[in-house]
């Protein structure tokens, strides 16, 4: 009888805390969810950057705006 109890306790502990236990599975799912959020954020940023690149290739005003900003930053740095 004691052997059965010990075996059951060992199985339960293994199911909870083992390499393939429930706690391990919960952590893996949490990690996967975080990674999916990171992927969505990075995909969005990539789309924004691609649009910016396209604008710089086709819109002279976009290039001018960046050049003006760079000149402003240089002047600001010199003023310090």
PDB file of N, CA and C in Angstrom:
ATOM      1  N   UNK A   1       0.827  -1.187   0.000  1.00  0.00           N
ATOM      2  CA  UNK A   1       0.000   0.000   0.000  1.00  0.00           C
ATOM      3  C   UNK A   1       0.874   1.255   0.000  1.00  0.00           C
ATOM      4  N   UNK A   2       1.888   1.287   0.847  1.00  0.00           N
ATOM      5  CA  UNK A   2       2.794   2.425   0.915  1.00  0.00           C
ATOM      6  C   UNK A   2       3.520   2.615  -0.415  1.00  0.00           C
ATOM      7  N   UNK A   3       3.852   1.511  -1.060  1.00  0.00           N
ATOM      8  CA  UNK A   3       4.531   1.570  -2.345  1.00  0.00           C
ATOM      9  C   UNK A   3       3.656   2.253  -3.388  1.00  0.00           C
ATOM     10  N   UNK A   4       2.360   1.941  -3.377  1.00  0.00           N
ATOM     11  CA  UNK A   4       1.424   2.575  -4.313  1.00  0.00           C
ATOM     12  C   UNK A   4       1.326   4.079  -4.061  1.00  0.00           C
ATOM     13  N   UNK A   5       1.267   4.474  -2.813  1.00  0.00           N
ATOM     14  CA  UNK A   5       1.185   5.892  -2.454  1.00  0.00           C
ATOM     15  C   UNK A   5       2.440   6.621  -2.915  1.00  0.00           C
ATOM     16  N   UNK A   6       3.584   6.015  -2.678  1.00  0.00           N
ATOM     17  CA  UNK A   6       4.853   6.626  -3.096  1.00  0.00           C
ATOM     18  C   UNK A   6       4.899   6.741  -4.614  1.00  0.00           C
ATOM     19  N   UNK A   7       4.449   5.720  -5.309  1.00  0.00           N
ATOM     20  CA  UNK A   7       4.440   5.741  -6.769  1.00  0.00           C
ATOM     21  C   UNK A   7       3.513   6.842  -7.285  1.00  0.00           C
ATOM     22  N   UNK A   8       2.348   6.980  -6.690  1.00  0.00           N
ATOM     23  CA  UNK A   8       1.391   8.014  -7.112  1.00  0.00           C
ATOM     24  C   UNK A   8       1.971   9.405  -6.850  1.00  0.00           C
ATOM     25  N   UNK A   9       2.560   9.595  -5.699  1.00  0.00           N
ATOM     26  CA  UNK A   9       3.177  10.885  -5.369  1.00  0.00           C
ATOM     27  C   UNK A   9       4.297  11.201  -6.370  1.00  0.00           C
ATOM     28  N   UNK A  10       5.092  10.207  -6.703  1.00  0.00           N
ATOM     29  CA  UNK A  10       6.181  10.404  -7.663  1.00  0.00           C
ATOM     30  C   UNK A  10       5.627  10.783  -9.034  1.00  0.00           C
ATOM     31  N   UNK A  11       4.555  10.136  -9.467  1.00  0.00           N
ATOM     32  CA  UNK A  11       3.941  10.456 -10.758  1.00  0.00           C
ATOM     33  C   UNK A  11       3.388  11.875 -10.770  1.00  0.00           C
ATOM     34  N   UNK A  12       2.719  12.259  -9.694  1.00  0.00           N
ATOM     35  CA  UNK A  12       2.151  13.608  -9.613  1.00  0.00           C
ATOM     36  C   UNK A  12       3.266  14.649  -9.629  1.00  0.00           C
ATOM     37  N   UNK A  13       4.305  14.434  -8.837  1.00  0.00           N
ATOM     38  CA  UNK A  13       5.427  15.367  -8.813  1.00  0.00           C
ATOM     39  C   UNK A  13       6.103  15.457 -10.184  1.00  0.00           C
ATOM     40  N   UNK A  14       6.247  14.322 -10.828  1.00  0.00           N
ATOM     41  CA  UNK A  14       6.828  14.310 -12.178  1.00  0.00           C
ATOM     42  C   UNK A  14       5.958  15.055 -13.175  1.00  0.00           C
ATOM     43  N   UNK A  15       4.643  14.883 -13.056  1.00  0.00           N
ATOM     44  CA  UNK A  15       3.725  15.564 -13.964  1.00  0.00           C
ATOM     45  C   UNK A  15       3.734  17.076 -13.757  1.00  0.00           C
ATOM     46  N   UNK A  16       3.979  17.491 -12.539  1.00  0.00           N
ATOM     47  CA  UNK A  16       4.000  18.929 -12.256  1.00  0.00           C
ATOM     48  C   UNK A  16       5.357  19.566 -12.534  1.00  0.00           C
ATOM     49  N   UNK A  17       6.426  18.948 -12.058  1.00  0.00           N
ATOM     50  CA  UNK A  17       7.727  19.591 -12.046  1.00  0.00           C
ATOM     51  C   UNK A  17       8.743  18.990 -13.000  1.00  0.00           C
ATOM     52  N   UNK A  18       8.429  17.924 -13.687  1.00  0.00           N
ATOM     53  CA  UNK A  18       9.385  17.263 -14.573  1.00  0.00           C
ATOM     54  C   UNK A  18       9.686  18.088 -15.817  1.00  0.00           C
ATOM     55  N   UNK A  19      10.624  17.601 -16.618  1.00  0.00           N
ATOM     56  CA  UNK A  19      11.020  18.293 -17.851  1.00  0.00           C
ATOM     57  C   UNK A  19       9.852  18.503 -18.800  1.00  0.00           C
ATOM     58  N   UNK A  20       8.874  17.655 -18.746  1.00  0.00           N
ATOM     59  CA  UNK A  20       7.691  17.775 -19.595  1.00  0.00           C
ATOM     60  C   UNK A  20       6.438  17.970 -18.758  1.00  0.00           C
ATOM     61  N   UNK A  21       6.625  18.509 -17.573  1.00  0.00           N
ATOM     62  CA  UNK A  21       5.513  18.696 -16.654  1.00  0.00           C
ATOM     63  C   UNK A  21       4.660  19.911 -17.005  1.00  0.00           C
ATOM     64  N   UNK A  22       3.608  20.058 -16.268  1.00  0.00           N
ATOM     65  CA  UNK A  22       2.644  21.127 -16.512  1.00  0.00           C
ATOM     66  C   UNK A  22       3.288  22.497 -16.338  1.00  0.00           C
ATOM     67  N   UNK A  23       4.078  22.671 -15.313  1.00  0.00           N
ATOM     68  CA  UNK A  23       4.722  23.968 -15.089  1.00  0.00           C
ATOM     69  C   UNK A  23       5.667  24.327 -16.231  1.00  0.00           C
ATOM     70  N   UNK A  24       6.365  23.349 -16.742  1.00  0.00           N
ATOM     71  CA  UNK A  24       7.253  23.554 -17.882  1.00  0.00           C
ATOM     72  C   UNK A  24       6.437  23.955 -19.111  1.00  0.00           C
ATOM     73  N   UNK A  25       5.316  23.291 -19.306  1.00  0.00           N
ATOM     74  CA  UNK A  25       4.434  23.594 -20.435  1.00  0.00           C
ATOM     75  C   UNK A  25       3.867  25.005 -20.324  1.00  0.00           C
ATOM     76  N   UNK A  26       3.458  25.405 -19.144  1.00  0.00           N
ATOM     77  CA  UNK A  26       2.922  26.754 -18.937  1.00  0.00           C
ATOM     78  C   UNK A  26       3.995  27.791 -19.265  1.00  0.00           C
ATOM     79  N   UNK A  27       5.203  27.571 -18.821  1.00  0.00           N
ATOM     80  CA  UNK A  27       6.305  28.498 -19.108  1.00  0.00           C
ATOM     81  C   UNK A  27       6.579  28.567 -20.607  1.00  0.00           C
ATOM     82  N   UNK A  28       6.550  27.433 -21.284  1.00  0.00           N
ATOM     83  CA  UNK A  28       6.783  27.411 -22.733  1.00  0.00           C
ATOM     84  C   UNK A  28       5.675  28.167 -23.467  1.00  0.00           C
ATOM     85  N   UNK A  29       4.450  28.013 -23.039  1.00  0.00           N
ATOM     86  CA  UNK A  29       3.341  28.739 -23.675  1.00  0.00           C
ATOM     87  C   UNK A  29       3.467  30.240 -23.438  1.00  0.00           C
ATOM     88  N   UNK A  30       3.864  30.632 -22.241  1.00  0.00           N
ATOM     89  CA  UNK A  30       4.064  32.053 -21.942  1.00  0.00           C
ATOM     90  C   UNK A  30       5.169  32.627 -22.830  1.00  0.00           C
ATOM     91  N   UNK A  31       6.241  31.879 -22.961  1.00  0.00           N
ATOM     92  CA  UNK A  31       7.363  32.308 -23.807  1.00  0.00           C
ATOM     93  C   UNK A  31       6.931  32.422 -25.268  1.00  0.00           C
ATOM     94  N   UNK A  32       6.151  31.470 -25.737  1.00  0.00           N
ATOM     95  CA  UNK A  32       5.669  31.517 -27.119  1.00  0.00           C
ATOM     96  C   UNK A  32       4.785  32.736 -27.342  1.00  0.00           C
ATOM     97  N   UNK A  33       3.947  33.048 -26.387  1.00  0.00           N
ATOM     98  CA  UNK A  33       3.080  34.215 -26.489  1.00  0.00           C
ATOM     99  C   UNK A  33       3.905  35.501 -26.558  1.00  0.00           C
ATOM    100  N   UNK A  34       4.921  35.598 -25.734  1.00  0.00           N
ATOM    101  CA  UNK A  34       5.803  36.767 -25.753  1.00  0.00           C
ATOM    102  C   UNK A  34       6.498  36.886 -27.099  1.00  0.00           C
ATOM    103  N   UNK A  35       6.951  35.772 -27.619  1.00  0.00           N
ATOM    104  CA  UNK A  35       7.632  35.779 -28.917  1.00  0.00           C
ATOM    105  C   UNK A  35       6.674  36.189 -30.037  1.00  0.00           C
ATOM    106  N   UNK A  36       5.435  35.735 -29.986  1.00  0.00           N
ATOM    107  CA  UNK A  36       4.452  36.114 -30.991  1.00  0.00           C
ATOM    108  C   UNK A  36       4.200  37.625 -30.951  1.00  0.00           C
ATOM    109  N   UNK A  37       4.153  38.197 -29.756  1.00  0.00           N
ATOM    110  CA  UNK A  37       3.980  39.648 -29.632  1.00  0.00           C
ATOM    111  C   UNK A  37       5.190  40.386 -30.195  1.00  0.00           C
ATOM    112  N   UNK A  38       6.382  39.872 -29.920  1.00  0.00           N
ATOM    113  CA  UNK A  38       7.601  40.474 -30.462  1.00  0.00           C
ATOM    114  C   UNK A  38       7.600  40.426 -31.987  1.00  0.00           C
ATOM    115  N   UNK A  39       7.188  39.298 -32.536  1.00  0.00           N
ATOM    116  CA  UNK A  39       7.140  39.139 -33.989  1.00  0.00           C
ATOM    117  C   UNK A  39       6.166  40.143 -34.599  1.00  0.00           C
ATOM    118  N   UNK A  40       4.988  40.287 -34.010  1.00  0.00           N
ATOM    119  CA  UNK A  40       3.996  41.233 -34.522  1.00  0.00           C
ATOM    120  C   UNK A  40       4.540  42.660 -34.477  1.00  0.00           C
ATOM    121  N   UNK A  41       5.204  43.016 -33.387  1.00  0.00           N
ATOM    122  CA  UNK A  41       5.778  44.359 -33.255  1.00  0.00           C
ATOM    123  C   UNK A  41       6.863  44.586 -34.309  1.00  0.00           C
ATOM    124  N   UNK A  42       7.726  43.602 -34.510  1.00  0.00           N
ATOM    125  CA  UNK A  42       8.805  43.729 -35.485  1.00  0.00           C
ATOM    126  C   UNK A  42       8.275  43.770 -36.918  1.00  0.00           C
ATOM    127  N   UNK A  43       7.238  42.994 -37.215  1.00  0.00           N
ATOM    128  CA  UNK A  43       6.633  43.039 -38.547  1.00  0.00           C
ATOM    129  C   UNK A  43       6.044  44.415 -38.819  1.00  0.00           C
ATOM    130  N   UNK A  44       5.409  44.995 -37.819  1.00  0.00           N
ATOM    131  CA  UNK A  44       4.846  46.333 -37.958  1.00  0.00           C
ATOM    132  C   UNK A  44       5.952  47.363 -38.195  1.00  0.00           C
ATOM    133  N   UNK A  45       7.020  47.256 -37.439  1.00  0.00           N
ATOM    134  CA  UNK A  45       8.146  48.166 -37.609  1.00  0.00           C
ATOM    135  C   UNK A  45       8.776  48.000 -38.983  1.00  0.00           C
ATOM    136  N   UNK A  46       8.886  46.766 -39.458  1.00  0.00           N
ATOM    137  CA  UNK A  46       9.429  46.513 -40.797  1.00  0.00           C
ATOM    138  C   UNK A  46       8.569  47.165 -41.875  1.00  0.00           C
ATOM    139  N   UNK A  47       7.238  47.057 -41.740  1.00  0.00           N
ATOM    140  CA  UNK A  47       6.347  47.698 -42.717  1.00  0.00           C
ATOM    141  C   UNK A  47       6.558  49.212 -42.713  1.00  0.00           C
ATOM    142  N   UNK A  48       6.650  49.794 -41.520  1.00  0.00           N
ATOM    143  CA  UNK A  48       6.857  51.243 -41.415  1.00  0.00           C
ATOM    144  C   UNK A  48       8.178  51.651 -42.055  1.00  0.00           C
ATOM    145  N   UNK A  49       9.230  50.885 -41.803  1.00  0.00           N
ATOM    146  CA  UNK A  49      10.538  51.199 -42.373  1.00  0.00           C
ATOM    147  C   UNK A  49      10.541  51.035 -43.896  1.00  0.00           C
ATOM    148  N   UNK A  50       9.851  50.019 -44.400  1.00  0.00           N
ATOM    149  CA  UNK A  50       9.759  49.841 -45.849  1.00  0.00           C
ATOM    150  C   UNK A  50       9.037  51.019 -46.498  1.00  0.00           C
ATOM    151  N   UNK A  51       7.987  51.513 -45.839  1.00  0.00           N
ATOM    152  CA  UNK A  51       7.284  52.678 -46.356  1.00  0.00           C
ATOM    153  C   UNK A  51       8.195  53.904 -46.348  1.00  0.00           C
ATOM    154  N   UNK A  52       8.991  54.044 -45.292  1.00  0.00           N
ATOM    155  CA  UNK A  52       9.925  55.163 -45.215  1.00  0.00           C
ATOM    156  C   UNK A  52      10.973  55.065 -46.318  1.00  0.00           C
ATOM    157  N   UNK A  53      11.484  53.875 -46.552  1.00  0.00           N
ATOM    158  CA  UNK A  53      12.472  53.662 -47.616  1.00  0.00           C
ATOM    159  C   UNK A  53      11.865  54.016 -48.968  1.00  0.00           C
ATOM    160  N   UNK A  54      10.647  53.543 -49.197  1.00  0.00           N
ATOM    161  CA  UNK A  54       9.978  53.836 -50.469  1.00  0.00           C
ATOM    162  C   UNK A  54       9.797  55.345 -50.640  1.00  0.00           C
ATOM    163  N   UNK A  55       9.436  56.014 -49.557  1.00  0.00           N
ATOM    164  CA  UNK A  55       9.283  57.463 -49.626  1.00  0.00           C
ATOM    165  C   UNK A  55      10.598  58.158 -49.953  1.00  0.00           C
ATOM    166  N   UNK A  56      11.675  57.690 -49.360  1.00  0.00           N
ATOM    167  CA  UNK A  56      12.979  58.287 -49.630  1.00  0.00           C
ATOM    168  C   UNK A  56      13.430  58.041 -51.066  1.00  0.00           C
ATOM    169  N   UNK A  57      12.996  56.936 -51.632  1.00  0.00           N
ATOM    170  CA  UNK A  57      13.369  56.628 -53.019  1.00  0.00           C
ATOM    171  C   UNK A  57      12.561  57.440 -54.027  1.00  0.00           C
ATOM    172  N   UNK A  58      11.353  57.813 -53.652  1.00  0.00           N
ATOM    173  CA  UNK A  58      10.451  58.413 -54.642  1.00  0.00           C
ATOM    174  C   UNK A  58      10.051  59.857 -54.345  1.00  0.00           C
ATOM    175  N   UNK A  59      10.214  60.325 -53.133  1.00  0.00           N
ATOM    176  CA  UNK A  59       9.722  61.652 -52.761  1.00  0.00           C
ATOM    177  C   UNK A  59      10.891  62.552 -52.372  1.00  0.00           C
ATOM    178  N   UNK A  60      11.231  63.506 -53.233  1.00  0.00           N
ATOM    179  CA  UNK A  60      12.340  64.408 -52.925  1.00  0.00           C
ATOM    180  C   UNK A  60      12.112  65.211 -51.630  1.00  0.00           C
ATOM    181  N   UNK A  61      10.863  65.471 -51.296  1.00  0.00           N
ATOM    182  CA  UNK A  61      10.581  66.220 -50.064  1.00  0.00           C
ATOM    183  C   UNK A  61      10.984  65.421 -48.833  1.00  0.00           C
ATOM    184  N   UNK A  62      10.873  64.103 -48.894  1.00  0.00           N
ATOM    185  CA  UNK A  62      11.272  63.260 -47.760  1.00  0.00           C
ATOM    186  C   UNK A  62      12.786  63.339 -47.560  1.00  0.00           C
ATOM    187  N   UNK A  63      13.532  63.305 -48.654  1.00  0.00           N
ATOM    188  CA  UNK A  63      14.990  63.421 -48.563  1.00  0.00           C
ATOM    189  C   UNK A  63      15.360  64.799 -48.023  1.00  0.00           C
ATOM    190  N   UNK A  64      14.683  65.831 -48.516  1.00  0.00           N
ATOM    191  CA  UNK A  64      14.954  67.193 -48.059  1.00  0.00           C
ATOM    192  C   UNK A  64      14.686  67.329 -46.555  1.00  0.00           C
ATOM    193  N   UNK A  65      13.609  66.729 -46.074  1.00  0.00           N
ATOM    194  CA  UNK A  65      13.273  66.811 -44.646  1.00  0.00           C
ATOM    195  C   UNK A  65      14.373  66.181 -43.791  1.00  0.00           C
ATOM    196  N   UNK A  66      14.906  65.062 -44.228  1.00  0.00           N
ATOM    197  CA  UNK A  66      15.985  64.407 -43.473  1.00  0.00           C
ATOM    198  C   UNK A  66      17.251  65.253 -43.538  1.00  0.00           C
ATOM    199  N   UNK A  67      17.542  65.826 -44.693  1.00  0.00           N
ATOM    200  CA  UNK A  67      18.727  66.683 -44.817  1.00  0.00           C
ATOM    201  C   UNK A  67      18.599  67.906 -43.916  1.00  0.00           C
ATOM    202  N   UNK A  68      17.431  68.512 -43.881  1.00  0.00           N
ATOM    203  CA  UNK A  68      17.222  69.678 -43.016  1.00  0.00           C
ATOM    204  C   UNK A  68      17.403  69.298 -41.540  1.00  0.00           C
ATOM    205  N   UNK A  69      16.881  68.139 -41.172  1.00  0.00           N
ATOM    206  CA  UNK A  69      17.023  67.675 -39.787  1.00  0.00           C
ATOM    207  C   UNK A  69      18.488  67.447 -39.441  1.00  0.00           C
ATOM    208  N   UNK A  70      19.236  66.865 -40.372  1.00  0.00           N
ATOM    209  CA  UNK A  70      20.658  66.617 -40.135  1.00  0.00           C
ATOM    210  C   UNK A  70      21.412  67.932 -39.981  1.00  0.00           C
ATOM    211  N   UNK A  71      21.104  68.899 -40.827  1.00  0.00           N
ATOM    212  CA  UNK A  71      21.765  70.207 -40.726  1.00  0.00           C
ATOM    213  C   UNK A  71      21.419  70.864 -39.401  1.00  0.00           C
ATOM    214  N   UNK A  72      20.161  70.769 -38.999  1.00  0.00           N
ATOM    215  CA  UNK A  72      19.742  71.346 -37.721  1.00  0.00           C
ATOM    216  C   UNK A  72      20.504  70.712 -36.565  1.00  0.00           C
ATOM    217  N   UNK A  73      20.643  69.393 -36.589  1.00  0.00           N
ATOM    218  CA  UNK A  73      21.366  68.703 -35.519  1.00  0.00           C
ATOM    219  C   UNK A  73      22.828  69.105 -35.482  1.00  0.00           C
ATOM    220  N   UNK A  74      23.428  69.273 -36.658  1.00  0.00           N
ATOM    221  CA  UNK A  74      24.835  69.693 -36.716  1.00  0.00           C
ATOM    222  C   UNK A  74      24.982  71.090 -36.138  1.00  0.00           C
ATOM    223  N   UNK A  75      24.066  71.996 -36.525  1.00  0.00           N
ATOM    224  CA  UNK A  75      24.117  73.361 -36.003  1.00  0.00           C
ATOM    225  C   UNK A  75      23.896  73.372 -34.498  1.00  0.00           C
ATOM    226  N   UNK A  76      22.983  72.556 -34.035  1.00  0.00           N
ATOM    227  CA  UNK A  76      22.700  72.472 -32.597  1.00  0.00           C
ATOM    228  C   UNK A  76      23.933  71.974 -31.840  1.00  0.00           C
ATOM    229  N   UNK A  77      24.610  70.983 -32.411  1.00  0.00           N
ATOM    230  CA  UNK A  77      25.815  70.422 -31.786  1.00  0.00           C
ATOM    231  C   UNK A  77      26.930  71.471 -31.733  1.00  0.00           C
ATOM    232  N   UNK A  78      27.066  72.262 -32.774  1.00  0.00           N
ATOM    233  CA  UNK A  78      28.110  73.297 -32.817  1.00  0.00           C
ATOM    234  C   UNK A  78      27.831  74.396 -31.808  1.00  0.00           C
ATOM    235  N   UNK A  79      26.551  74.652 -31.527  1.00  0.00           N
ATOM    236  CA  UNK A  79      26.179  75.709 -30.610  1.00  0.00           C
ATOM    237  C   UNK A  79      26.532  75.347 -29.169  1.00  0.00           C
ATOM    238  N   UNK A  80      26.730  74.113 -28.883  1.00  0.00           N
ATOM    239  CA  UNK A  80      27.059  73.671 -27.518  1.00  0.00           C
ATOM    240  C   UNK A  80      28.431  74.004 -27.202  1.00  0.00           C
TER     241      UNK A  80
END
